[in-house]
Amino acid sequence: NLSFRPFATVSRAVVATALINVLKLPKS
């Protein structure tokens, strides 16, 4: 779908993935 769901909560897994991507850290 095309929804962002701006007010939905965020899981720890989603945050971890987003943070690694934004920082471009080498994966372990």
mmCIF file of all heavy atoms, coordinates in Angstrom:
data_MODEL
# 
_entry.id   MODEL 
# 
loop_
_atom_site.group_PDB 
_atom_site.id 
_atom_site.type_symbol 
_atom_site.label_atom_id 
_atom_site.label_alt_id 
_atom_site.label_comp_id 
_atom_site.label_asym_id 
_atom_site.label_entity_id 
_atom_site.label_seq_id 
_atom_site.pdbx_PDB_ins_code 
_atom_site.Cartn_x 
_atom_site.Cartn_y 
_atom_site.Cartn_z 
_atom_site.occupancy 
_atom_site.B_iso_or_equiv 
_atom_site.pdbx_formal_charge 
_atom_site.auth_seq_id 
_atom_site.auth_comp_id 
_atom_site.auth_asym_id 
_atom_site.auth_atom_id 
_atom_site.pdbx_PDB_model_num 
ATOM 1   N N   . ASN A 1 1  ? 0.835  -1.197 0.000  1.00 0.00 ? 1  ASN A N   1 
ATOM 2   C CA  . ASN A 1 1  ? 0.000  0.000  0.000  1.00 0.00 ? 1  ASN A CA  1 
ATOM 3   C C   . ASN A 1 1  ? 0.871  1.249  0.000  1.00 0.00 ? 1  ASN A C   1 
ATOM 4   O O   . ASN A 1 1  ? 2.094  1.168  0.140  1.00 0.00 ? 1  ASN A O   1 
ATOM 5   C CB  . ASN A 1 1  ? -0.983 -0.003 1.174  1.00 0.00 ? 1  ASN A CB  1 
ATOM 6   C CG  . ASN A 1 1  ? -0.286 0.033  2.521  1.00 0.00 ? 1  ASN A CG  1 
ATOM 7   O OD1 . ASN A 1 1  ? 0.534  0.920  2.798  1.00 0.00 ? 1  ASN A OD1 1 
ATOM 8   N ND2 . ASN A 1 1  ? -0.622 -0.913 3.401  1.00 0.00 ? 1  ASN A ND2 1 
ATOM 9   N N   . LEU A 1 2  ? 0.237  2.395  -0.140 1.00 0.00 ? 2  LEU A N   1 
ATOM 10  C CA  . LEU A 1 2  ? 0.949  3.666  -0.232 1.00 0.00 ? 2  LEU A CA  1 
ATOM 11  C C   . LEU A 1 2  ? 0.920  4.449  1.080  1.00 0.00 ? 2  LEU A C   1 
ATOM 12  O O   . LEU A 1 2  ? 1.266  5.623  1.104  1.00 0.00 ? 2  LEU A O   1 
ATOM 13  C CB  . LEU A 1 2  ? 0.340  4.535  -1.341 1.00 0.00 ? 2  LEU A CB  1 
ATOM 14  C CG  . LEU A 1 2  ? 0.383  3.986  -2.765 1.00 0.00 ? 2  LEU A CG  1 
ATOM 15  C CD1 . LEU A 1 2  ? -0.307 4.952  -3.724 1.00 0.00 ? 2  LEU A CD1 1 
ATOM 16  C CD2 . LEU A 1 2  ? 1.811  3.728  -3.208 1.00 0.00 ? 2  LEU A CD2 1 
ATOM 17  N N   . SER A 1 3  ? 0.526  3.806  2.155  1.00 0.00 ? 3  SER A N   1 
ATOM 18  C CA  . SER A 1 3  ? 0.372  4.507  3.424  1.00 0.00 ? 3  SER A CA  1 
ATOM 19  C C   . SER A 1 3  ? 1.692  4.621  4.177  1.00 0.00 ? 3  SER A C   1 
ATOM 20  O O   . SER A 1 3  ? 2.490  3.683  4.198  1.00 0.00 ? 3  SER A O   1 
ATOM 21  C CB  . SER A 1 3  ? -0.653 3.790  4.306  1.00 0.00 ? 3  SER A CB  1 
ATOM 22  O OG  . SER A 1 3  ? -1.917 3.773  3.672  1.00 0.00 ? 3  SER A OG  1 
ATOM 23  N N   . PHE A 1 4  ? 1.894  5.771  4.816  1.00 0.00 ? 4  PHE A N   1 
ATOM 24  C CA  . PHE A 1 4  ? 3.026  5.960  5.710  1.00 0.00 ? 4  PHE A CA  1 
ATOM 25  C C   . PHE A 1 4  ? 2.628  5.694  7.156  1.00 0.00 ? 4  PHE A C   1 
ATOM 26  O O   . PHE A 1 4  ? 3.431  5.243  7.951  1.00 0.00 ? 4  PHE A O   1 
ATOM 27  C CB  . PHE A 1 4  ? 3.570  7.384  5.573  1.00 0.00 ? 4  PHE A CB  1 
ATOM 28  C CG  . PHE A 1 4  ? 4.724  7.670  6.497  1.00 0.00 ? 4  PHE A CG  1 
ATOM 29  C CD1 . PHE A 1 4  ? 5.966  7.086  6.270  1.00 0.00 ? 4  PHE A CD1 1 
ATOM 30  C CD2 . PHE A 1 4  ? 4.572  8.494  7.599  1.00 0.00 ? 4  PHE A CD2 1 
ATOM 31  C CE1 . PHE A 1 4  ? 7.033  7.326  7.132  1.00 0.00 ? 4  PHE A CE1 1 
ATOM 32  C CE2 . PHE A 1 4  ? 5.627  8.749  8.453  1.00 0.00 ? 4  PHE A CE2 1 
ATOM 33  C CZ  . PHE A 1 4  ? 6.860  8.164  8.220  1.00 0.00 ? 4  PHE A CZ  1 
ATOM 34  N N   . ARG A 1 5  ? 1.389  5.986  7.509  1.00 0.00 ? 5  ARG A N   1 
ATOM 35  C CA  . ARG A 1 5  ? 0.857  5.844  8.872  1.00 0.00 ? 5  ARG A CA  1 
ATOM 36  C C   . ARG A 1 5  ? 1.699  6.682  9.842  1.00 0.00 ? 5  ARG A C   1 
ATOM 37  O O   . ARG A 1 5  ? 2.409  6.173  10.705 1.00 0.00 ? 5  ARG A O   1 
ATOM 38  C CB  . ARG A 1 5  ? 0.822  4.380  9.289  1.00 0.00 ? 5  ARG A CB  1 
ATOM 39  C CG  . ARG A 1 5  ? -0.073 3.510  8.404  1.00 0.00 ? 5  ARG A CG  1 
ATOM 40  C CD  . ARG A 1 5  ? -0.143 2.071  8.891  1.00 0.00 ? 5  ARG A CD  1 
ATOM 41  N NE  . ARG A 1 5  ? -0.843 1.976  10.158 1.00 0.00 ? 5  ARG A NE  1 
ATOM 42  C CZ  . ARG A 1 5  ? -0.376 1.335  11.227 1.00 0.00 ? 5  ARG A CZ  1 
ATOM 43  N NH1 . ARG A 1 5  ? 0.814  0.764  11.193 1.00 0.00 ? 5  ARG A NH1 1 
ATOM 44  N NH2 . ARG A 1 5  ? -1.074 1.286  12.342 1.00 0.00 ? 5  ARG A NH2 1 
ATOM 45  N N   . PRO A 1 6  ? 1.618  7.994  9.722  1.00 0.00 ? 6  PRO A N   1 
ATOM 46  C CA  . PRO A 1 6  ? 2.508  8.873  10.485 1.00 0.00 ? 6  PRO A CA  1 
ATOM 47  C C   . PRO A 1 6  ? 2.364  8.781  11.994 1.00 0.00 ? 6  PRO A C   1 
ATOM 48  O O   . PRO A 1 6  ? 3.330  9.059  12.722 1.00 0.00 ? 6  PRO A O   1 
ATOM 49  C CB  . PRO A 1 6  ? 2.133  10.270 9.977  1.00 0.00 ? 6  PRO A CB  1 
ATOM 50  C CG  . PRO A 1 6  ? 0.767  10.120 9.384  1.00 0.00 ? 6  PRO A CG  1 
ATOM 51  C CD  . PRO A 1 6  ? 0.721  8.743  8.831  1.00 0.00 ? 6  PRO A CD  1 
ATOM 52  N N   . PHE A 1 7  ? 1.201  8.378  12.492 1.00 0.00 ? 7  PHE A N   1 
ATOM 53  C CA  . PHE A 1 7  ? 0.990  8.353  13.940 1.00 0.00 ? 7  PHE A CA  1 
ATOM 54  C C   . PHE A 1 7  ? 1.154  6.957  14.543 1.00 0.00 ? 7  PHE A C   1 
ATOM 55  O O   . PHE A 1 7  ? 0.972  6.776  15.747 1.00 0.00 ? 7  PHE A O   1 
ATOM 56  C CB  . PHE A 1 7  ? -0.401 8.910  14.281 1.00 0.00 ? 7  PHE A CB  1 
ATOM 57  C CG  . PHE A 1 7  ? -0.563 10.350 13.883 1.00 0.00 ? 7  PHE A CG  1 
ATOM 58  C CD1 . PHE A 1 7  ? -1.279 10.690 12.741 1.00 0.00 ? 7  PHE A CD1 1 
ATOM 59  C CD2 . PHE A 1 7  ? 0.009  11.368 14.633 1.00 0.00 ? 7  PHE A CD2 1 
ATOM 60  C CE1 . PHE A 1 7  ? -1.425 12.019 12.362 1.00 0.00 ? 7  PHE A CE1 1 
ATOM 61  C CE2 . PHE A 1 7  ? -0.134 12.700 14.266 1.00 0.00 ? 7  PHE A CE2 1 
ATOM 62  C CZ  . PHE A 1 7  ? -0.850 13.025 13.128 1.00 0.00 ? 7  PHE A CZ  1 
ATOM 63  N N   . ALA A 1 8  ? 1.502  5.987  13.702 1.00 0.00 ? 8  ALA A N   1 
ATOM 64  C CA  . ALA A 1 8  ? 1.686  4.619  14.207 1.00 0.00 ? 8  ALA A CA  1 
ATOM 65  C C   . ALA A 1 8  ? 2.970  4.530  15.035 1.00 0.00 ? 8  ALA A C   1 
ATOM 66  O O   . ALA A 1 8  ? 3.914  5.293  14.849 1.00 0.00 ? 8  ALA A O   1 
ATOM 67  C CB  . ALA A 1 8  ? 1.738  3.637  13.044 1.00 0.00 ? 8  ALA A CB  1 
ATOM 68  N N   . THR A 1 9  ? 2.989  3.559  15.945 1.00 0.00 ? 9  THR A N   1 
ATOM 69  C CA  . THR A 1 9  ? 4.196  3.340  16.749 1.00 0.00 ? 9  THR A CA  1 
ATOM 70  C C   . THR A 1 9  ? 5.256  2.626  15.905 1.00 0.00 ? 9  THR A C   1 
ATOM 71  O O   . THR A 1 9  ? 4.986  2.140  14.809 1.00 0.00 ? 9  THR A O   1 
ATOM 72  C CB  . THR A 1 9  ? 3.875  2.507  17.994 1.00 0.00 ? 9  THR A CB  1 
ATOM 73  O OG1 . THR A 1 9  ? 3.292  1.254  17.586 1.00 0.00 ? 9  THR A OG1 1 
ATOM 74  C CG2 . THR A 1 9  ? 2.908  3.246  18.913 1.00 0.00 ? 9  THR A CG2 1 
ATOM 75  N N   . VAL A 1 10 ? 6.464  2.567  16.455 1.00 0.00 ? 10 VAL A N   1 
ATOM 76  C CA  . VAL A 1 10 ? 7.605  2.029  15.723 1.00 0.00 ? 10 VAL A CA  1 
ATOM 77  C C   . VAL A 1 10 ? 8.274  0.945  16.557 1.00 0.00 ? 10 VAL A C   1 
ATOM 78  O O   . VAL A 1 10 ? 8.527  1.140  17.758 1.00 0.00 ? 10 VAL A O   1 
ATOM 79  C CB  . VAL A 1 10 ? 8.643  3.140  15.417 1.00 0.00 ? 10 VAL A CB  1 
ATOM 80  C CG1 . VAL A 1 10 ? 9.716  2.605  14.484 1.00 0.00 ? 10 VAL A CG1 1 
ATOM 81  C CG2 . VAL A 1 10 ? 7.968  4.363  14.819 1.00 0.00 ? 10 VAL A CG2 1 
ATOM 82  N N   . SER A 1 11 ? 8.561  -0.179 15.941 1.00 0.00 ? 11 SER A N   1 
ATOM 83  C CA  . SER A 1 11 ? 9.222  -1.264 16.669 1.00 0.00 ? 11 SER A CA  1 
ATOM 84  C C   . SER A 1 11 ? 10.718 -1.003 16.779 1.00 0.00 ? 11 SER A C   1 
ATOM 85  O O   . SER A 1 11 ? 11.309 -0.232 16.019 1.00 0.00 ? 11 SER A O   1 
ATOM 86  C CB  . SER A 1 11 ? 8.983  -2.597 15.958 1.00 0.00 ? 11 SER A CB  1 
ATOM 87  O OG  . SER A 1 11 ? 9.747  -2.666 14.765 1.00 0.00 ? 11 SER A OG  1 
ATOM 88  N N   . ARG A 1 12 ? 11.329 -1.683 17.740 1.00 0.00 ? 12 ARG A N   1 
ATOM 89  C CA  . ARG A 1 12 ? 12.778 -1.557 17.927 1.00 0.00 ? 12 ARG A CA  1 
ATOM 90  C C   . ARG A 1 12 ? 13.533 -2.058 16.691 1.00 0.00 ? 12 ARG A C   1 
ATOM 91  O O   . ARG A 1 12 ? 14.582 -1.507 16.335 1.00 0.00 ? 12 ARG A O   1 
ATOM 92  C CB  . ARG A 1 12 ? 13.203 -2.348 19.153 1.00 0.00 ? 12 ARG A CB  1 
ATOM 93  C CG  . ARG A 1 12 ? 12.646 -1.803 20.463 1.00 0.00 ? 12 ARG A CG  1 
ATOM 94  C CD  . ARG A 1 12 ? 13.123 -2.627 21.637 1.00 0.00 ? 12 ARG A CD  1 
ATOM 95  N NE  . ARG A 1 12 ? 12.729 -2.004 22.899 1.00 0.00 ? 12 ARG A NE  1 
ATOM 96  C CZ  . ARG A 1 12 ? 13.281 -2.301 24.064 1.00 0.00 ? 12 ARG A CZ  1 
ATOM 97  N NH1 . ARG A 1 12 ? 14.249 -3.204 24.120 1.00 0.00 ? 12 ARG A NH1 1 
ATOM 98  N NH2 . ARG A 1 12 ? 12.874 -1.704 25.158 1.00 0.00 ? 12 ARG A NH2 1 
ATOM 99  N N   . ALA A 1 13 ? 13.019 -3.093 16.053 1.00 0.00 ? 13 ALA A N   1 
ATOM 100 C CA  . ALA A 1 13 ? 13.683 -3.632 14.869 1.00 0.00 ? 13 ALA A CA  1 
ATOM 101 C C   . ALA A 1 13 ? 13.699 -2.613 13.744 1.00 0.00 ? 13 ALA A C   1 
ATOM 102 O O   . ALA A 1 13 ? 14.700 -2.446 13.038 1.00 0.00 ? 13 ALA A O   1 
ATOM 103 C CB  . ALA A 1 13 ? 12.988 -4.909 14.415 1.00 0.00 ? 13 ALA A CB  1 
ATOM 104 N N   . VAL A 1 14 ? 12.572 -1.904 13.561 1.00 0.00 ? 14 VAL A N   1 
ATOM 105 C CA  . VAL A 1 14 ? 12.502 -0.878 12.519 1.00 0.00 ? 14 VAL A CA  1 
ATOM 106 C C   . VAL A 1 14 ? 13.494 0.238  12.809 1.00 0.00 ? 14 VAL A C   1 
ATOM 107 O O   . VAL A 1 14 ? 14.210 0.712  11.914 1.00 0.00 ? 14 VAL A O   1 
ATOM 108 C CB  . VAL A 1 14 ? 11.064 -0.324 12.403 1.00 0.00 ? 14 VAL A CB  1 
ATOM 109 C CG1 . VAL A 1 14 ? 11.044 0.948  11.560 1.00 0.00 ? 14 VAL A CG1 1 
ATOM 110 C CG2 . VAL A 1 14 ? 10.132 -1.361 11.805 1.00 0.00 ? 14 VAL A CG2 1 
ATOM 111 N N   . VAL A 1 15 ? 13.570 0.657  14.070 1.00 0.00 ? 15 VAL A N   1 
ATOM 112 C CA  . VAL A 1 15 ? 14.501 1.726  14.441 1.00 0.00 ? 15 VAL A CA  1 
ATOM 113 C C   . VAL A 1 15 ? 15.945 1.282  14.219 1.00 0.00 ? 15 VAL A C   1 
ATOM 114 O O   . VAL A 1 15 ? 16.772 2.036  13.698 1.00 0.00 ? 15 VAL A O   1 
ATOM 115 C CB  . VAL A 1 15 ? 14.280 2.152  15.901 1.00 0.00 ? 15 VAL A CB  1 
ATOM 116 C CG1 . VAL A 1 15 ? 15.401 3.089  16.367 1.00 0.00 ? 15 VAL A CG1 1 
ATOM 117 C CG2 . VAL A 1 15 ? 12.930 2.837  16.054 1.00 0.00 ? 15 VAL A CG2 1 
ATOM 118 N N   . ALA A 1 16 ? 16.262 0.053  14.595 1.00 0.00 ? 16 ALA A N   1 
ATOM 119 C CA  . ALA A 1 16 ? 17.625 -0.451 14.409 1.00 0.00 ? 16 ALA A CA  1 
ATOM 120 C C   . ALA A 1 16 ? 18.012 -0.435 12.936 1.00 0.00 ? 16 ALA A C   1 
ATOM 121 O O   . ALA A 1 16 ? 19.103 0.020  12.560 1.00 0.00 ? 16 ALA A O   1 
ATOM 122 C CB  . ALA A 1 16 ? 17.736 -1.863 14.971 1.00 0.00 ? 16 ALA A CB  1 
ATOM 123 N N   . THR A 1 17 ? 17.114 -0.905 12.102 1.00 0.00 ? 17 THR A N   1 
ATOM 124 C CA  . THR A 1 17 ? 17.396 -0.942 10.664 1.00 0.00 ? 17 THR A CA  1 
ATOM 125 C C   . THR A 1 17 ? 17.552 0.462  10.092 1.00 0.00 ? 17 THR A C   1 
ATOM 126 O O   . THR A 1 17 ? 18.466 0.739  9.311  1.00 0.00 ? 17 THR A O   1 
ATOM 127 C CB  . THR A 1 17 ? 16.263 -1.687 9.928  1.00 0.00 ? 17 THR A CB  1 
ATOM 128 O OG1 . THR A 1 17 ? 16.141 -3.001 10.479 1.00 0.00 ? 17 THR A OG1 1 
ATOM 129 C CG2 . THR A 1 17 ? 16.556 -1.793 8.448  1.00 0.00 ? 17 THR A CG2 1 
ATOM 130 N N   . ALA A 1 18 ? 16.644 1.366  10.486 1.00 0.00 ? 18 ALA A N   1 
ATOM 131 C CA  . ALA A 1 18 ? 16.713 2.734  9.983  1.00 0.00 ? 18 ALA A CA  1 
ATOM 132 C C   . ALA A 1 18 ? 17.999 3.418  10.430 1.00 0.00 ? 18 ALA A C   1 
ATOM 133 O O   . ALA A 1 18 ? 18.645 4.125  9.648  1.00 0.00 ? 18 ALA A O   1 
ATOM 134 C CB  . ALA A 1 18 ? 15.499 3.526  10.460 1.00 0.00 ? 18 ALA A CB  1 
ATOM 135 N N   . LEU A 1 19 ? 18.394 3.215  11.671 1.00 0.00 ? 19 LEU A N   1 
ATOM 136 C CA  . LEU A 1 19 ? 19.593 3.873  12.186 1.00 0.00 ? 19 LEU A CA  1 
ATOM 137 C C   . LEU A 1 19 ? 20.851 3.366  11.486 1.00 0.00 ? 19 LEU A C   1 
ATOM 138 O O   . LEU A 1 19 ? 21.752 4.144  11.145 1.00 0.00 ? 19 LEU A O   1 
ATOM 139 C CB  . LEU A 1 19 ? 19.692 3.656  13.697 1.00 0.00 ? 19 LEU A CB  1 
ATOM 140 C CG  . LEU A 1 19 ? 20.694 4.526  14.454 1.00 0.00 ? 19 LEU A CG  1 
ATOM 141 C CD1 . LEU A 1 19 ? 20.430 6.000  14.214 1.00 0.00 ? 19 LEU A CD1 1 
ATOM 142 C CD2 . LEU A 1 19 ? 20.638 4.215  15.943 1.00 0.00 ? 19 LEU A CD2 1 
ATOM 143 N N   . ILE A 1 20 ? 20.917 2.071  11.249 1.00 0.00 ? 20 ILE A N   1 
ATOM 144 C CA  . ILE A 1 20 ? 22.068 1.516  10.524 1.00 0.00 ? 20 ILE A CA  1 
ATOM 145 C C   . ILE A 1 20 ? 22.131 2.083  9.109  1.00 0.00 ? 20 ILE A C   1 
ATOM 146 O O   . ILE A 1 20 ? 23.199 2.438  8.604  1.00 0.00 ? 20 ILE A O   1 
ATOM 147 C CB  . ILE A 1 20 ? 21.972 -0.030 10.482 1.00 0.00 ? 20 ILE A CB  1 
ATOM 148 C CG1 . ILE A 1 20 ? 22.125 -0.607 11.879 1.00 0.00 ? 20 ILE A CG1 1 
ATOM 149 C CG2 . ILE A 1 20 ? 23.038 -0.605 9.550  1.00 0.00 ? 20 ILE A CG2 1 
ATOM 150 C CD1 . ILE A 1 20 ? 23.371 -0.165 12.610 1.00 0.00 ? 20 ILE A CD1 1 
ATOM 151 N N   . ASN A 1 21 ? 20.967 2.207  8.470  1.00 0.00 ? 21 ASN A N   1 
ATOM 152 C CA  . ASN A 1 21 ? 20.935 2.733  7.103  1.00 0.00 ? 21 ASN A CA  1 
ATOM 153 C C   . ASN A 1 21 ? 21.299 4.208  7.045  1.00 0.00 ? 21 ASN A C   1 
ATOM 154 O O   . ASN A 1 21 ? 21.995 4.651  6.132  1.00 0.00 ? 21 ASN A O   1 
ATOM 155 C CB  . ASN A 1 21 ? 19.551 2.506  6.490  1.00 0.00 ? 21 ASN A CB  1 
ATOM 156 C CG  . ASN A 1 21 ? 19.293 1.052  6.159  1.00 0.00 ? 21 ASN A CG  1 
ATOM 157 O OD1 . ASN A 1 21 ? 20.235 0.279  5.968  1.00 0.00 ? 21 ASN A OD1 1 
ATOM 158 N ND2 . ASN A 1 21 ? 18.031 0.670  6.096  1.00 0.00 ? 21 ASN A ND2 1 
ATOM 159 N N   . VAL A 1 22 ? 20.820 4.985  8.010  1.00 0.00 ? 22 VAL A N   1 
ATOM 160 C CA  . VAL A 1 22 ? 21.109 6.410  7.972  1.00 0.00 ? 22 VAL A CA  1 
ATOM 161 C C   . VAL A 1 22 ? 22.575 6.691  8.271  1.00 0.00 ? 22 VAL A C   1 
ATOM 162 O O   . VAL A 1 22 ? 23.174 7.628  7.732  1.00 0.00 ? 22 VAL A O   1 
ATOM 163 C CB  . VAL A 1 22 ? 20.176 7.188  8.933  1.00 0.00 ? 22 VAL A CB  1 
ATOM 164 C CG1 . VAL A 1 22 ? 20.613 7.058  10.376 1.00 0.00 ? 22 VAL A CG1 1 
ATOM 165 C CG2 . VAL A 1 22 ? 20.099 8.649  8.546  1.00 0.00 ? 22 VAL A CG2 1 
ATOM 166 N N   . LEU A 1 23 ? 23.179 5.851  9.109  1.00 0.00 ? 23 LEU A N   1 
ATOM 167 C CA  . LEU A 1 23 ? 24.591 6.039  9.459  1.00 0.00 ? 23 LEU A CA  1 
ATOM 168 C C   . LEU A 1 23 ? 25.537 5.342  8.486  1.00 0.00 ? 23 LEU A C   1 
ATOM 169 O O   . LEU A 1 23 ? 26.746 5.581  8.508  1.00 0.00 ? 23 LEU A O   1 
ATOM 170 C CB  . LEU A 1 23 ? 24.847 5.521  10.875 1.00 0.00 ? 23 LEU A CB  1 
ATOM 171 C CG  . LEU A 1 23 ? 24.157 6.287  12.008 1.00 0.00 ? 23 LEU A CG  1 
ATOM 172 C CD1 . LEU A 1 23 ? 24.347 5.562  13.331 1.00 0.00 ? 23 LEU A CD1 1 
ATOM 173 C CD2 . LEU A 1 23 ? 24.674 7.709  12.089 1.00 0.00 ? 23 LEU A CD2 1 
ATOM 174 N N   . LYS A 1 24 ? 24.977 4.432  7.682  1.00 0.00 ? 24 LYS A N   1 
ATOM 175 C CA  . LYS A 1 24 ? 25.775 3.625  6.754  1.00 0.00 ? 24 LYS A CA  1 
ATOM 176 C C   . LYS A 1 24 ? 26.897 2.886  7.480  1.00 0.00 ? 24 LYS A C   1 
ATOM 177 O O   . LYS A 1 24 ? 28.066 2.897  7.064  1.00 0.00 ? 24 LYS A O   1 
ATOM 178 C CB  . LYS A 1 24 ? 26.335 4.489  5.621  1.00 0.00 ? 24 LYS A CB  1 
ATOM 179 C CG  . LYS A 1 24 ? 25.267 4.940  4.639  1.00 0.00 ? 24 LYS A CG  1 
ATOM 180 C CD  . LYS A 1 24 ? 25.852 5.354  3.313  1.00 0.00 ? 24 LYS A CD  1 
ATOM 181 C CE  . LYS A 1 24 ? 24.734 5.543  2.279  1.00 0.00 ? 24 LYS A CE  1 
ATOM 182 N NZ  . LYS A 1 24 ? 25.234 5.981  0.970  1.00 0.00 ? 24 LYS A NZ  1 
ATOM 183 N N   . LEU A 1 25 ? 26.538 2.240  8.566  1.00 0.00 ? 25 LEU A N   1 
ATOM 184 C CA  . LEU A 1 25 ? 27.518 1.471  9.334  1.00 0.00 ? 25 LEU A CA  1 
ATOM 185 C C   . LEU A 1 25 ? 27.766 0.131  8.659  1.00 0.00 ? 25 LEU A C   1 
ATOM 186 O O   . LEU A 1 25 ? 26.839 -0.487 8.122  1.00 0.00 ? 25 LEU A O   1 
ATOM 187 C CB  . LEU A 1 25 ? 27.007 1.231  10.759 1.00 0.00 ? 25 LEU A CB  1 
ATOM 188 C CG  . LEU A 1 25 ? 26.839 2.475  11.639 1.00 0.00 ? 25 LEU A CG  1 
ATOM 189 C CD1 . LEU A 1 25 ? 26.204 2.079  12.967 1.00 0.00 ? 25 LEU A CD1 1 
ATOM 190 C CD2 . LEU A 1 25 ? 28.174 3.154  11.866 1.00 0.00 ? 25 LEU A CD2 1 
ATOM 191 N N   . PRO A 1 26 ? 29.002 -0.338 8.660  1.00 0.00 ? 26 PRO A N   1 
ATOM 192 C CA  . PRO A 1 26 ? 29.267 -1.688 8.136  1.00 0.00 ? 26 PRO A CA  1 
ATOM 193 C C   . PRO A 1 26 ? 28.536 -2.719 8.980  1.00 0.00 ? 26 PRO A C   1 
ATOM 194 O O   . PRO A 1 26 ? 28.565 -2.672 10.205 1.00 0.00 ? 26 PRO A O   1 
ATOM 195 C CB  . PRO A 1 26 ? 30.788 -1.817 8.260  1.00 0.00 ? 26 PRO A CB  1 
ATOM 196 C CG  . PRO A 1 26 ? 31.182 -0.819 9.293  1.00 0.00 ? 26 PRO A CG  1 
ATOM 197 C CD  . PRO A 1 26 ? 30.219 0.324  9.180  1.00 0.00 ? 26 PRO A CD  1 
ATOM 198 N N   . LYS A 1 27 ? 27.872 -3.642 8.304  1.00 0.00 ? 27 LYS A N   1 
ATOM 199 C CA  . LYS A 1 27 ? 27.017 -4.587 9.024  1.00 0.00 ? 27 LYS A CA  1 
ATOM 200 C C   . LYS A 1 27 ? 27.821 -5.679 9.707  1.00 0.00 ? 27 LYS A C   1 
ATOM 201 O O   . LYS A 1 27 ? 28.845 -6.138 9.213  1.00 0.00 ? 27 LYS A O   1 
ATOM 202 C CB  . LYS A 1 27 ? 25.991 -5.201 8.064  1.00 0.00 ? 27 LYS A CB  1 
ATOM 203 C CG  . LYS A 1 27 ? 24.940 -4.200 7.610  1.00 0.00 ? 27 LYS A CG  1 
ATOM 204 C CD  . LYS A 1 27 ? 23.859 -4.846 6.767  1.00 0.00 ? 27 LYS A CD  1 
ATOM 205 C CE  . LYS A 1 27 ? 22.802 -3.822 6.363  1.00 0.00 ? 27 LYS A CE  1 
ATOM 206 N NZ  . LYS A 1 27 ? 21.736 -4.415 5.538  1.00 0.00 ? 27 LYS A NZ  1 
ATOM 207 N N   . SER A 1 28 ? 27.309 -6.080 10.855 1.00 0.00 ? 28 SER A N   1 
ATOM 208 C CA  . SER A 1 28 ? 27.893 -7.183 11.616 1.00 0.00 ? 28 SER A CA  1 
ATOM 209 C C   . SER A 1 28 ? 26.876 -8.312 11.668 1.00 0.00 ? 28 SER A C   1 
ATOM 210 O O   . SER A 1 28 ? 25.703 -8.083 11.967 1.00 0.00 ? 28 SER A O   1 
ATOM 211 C CB  . SER A 1 28 ? 28.242 -6.721 13.035 1.00 0.00 ? 28 SER A CB  1 
ATOM 212 O OG  . SER A 1 28 ? 28.703 -7.797 13.810 1.00 0.00 ? 28 SER A OG  1 
# 
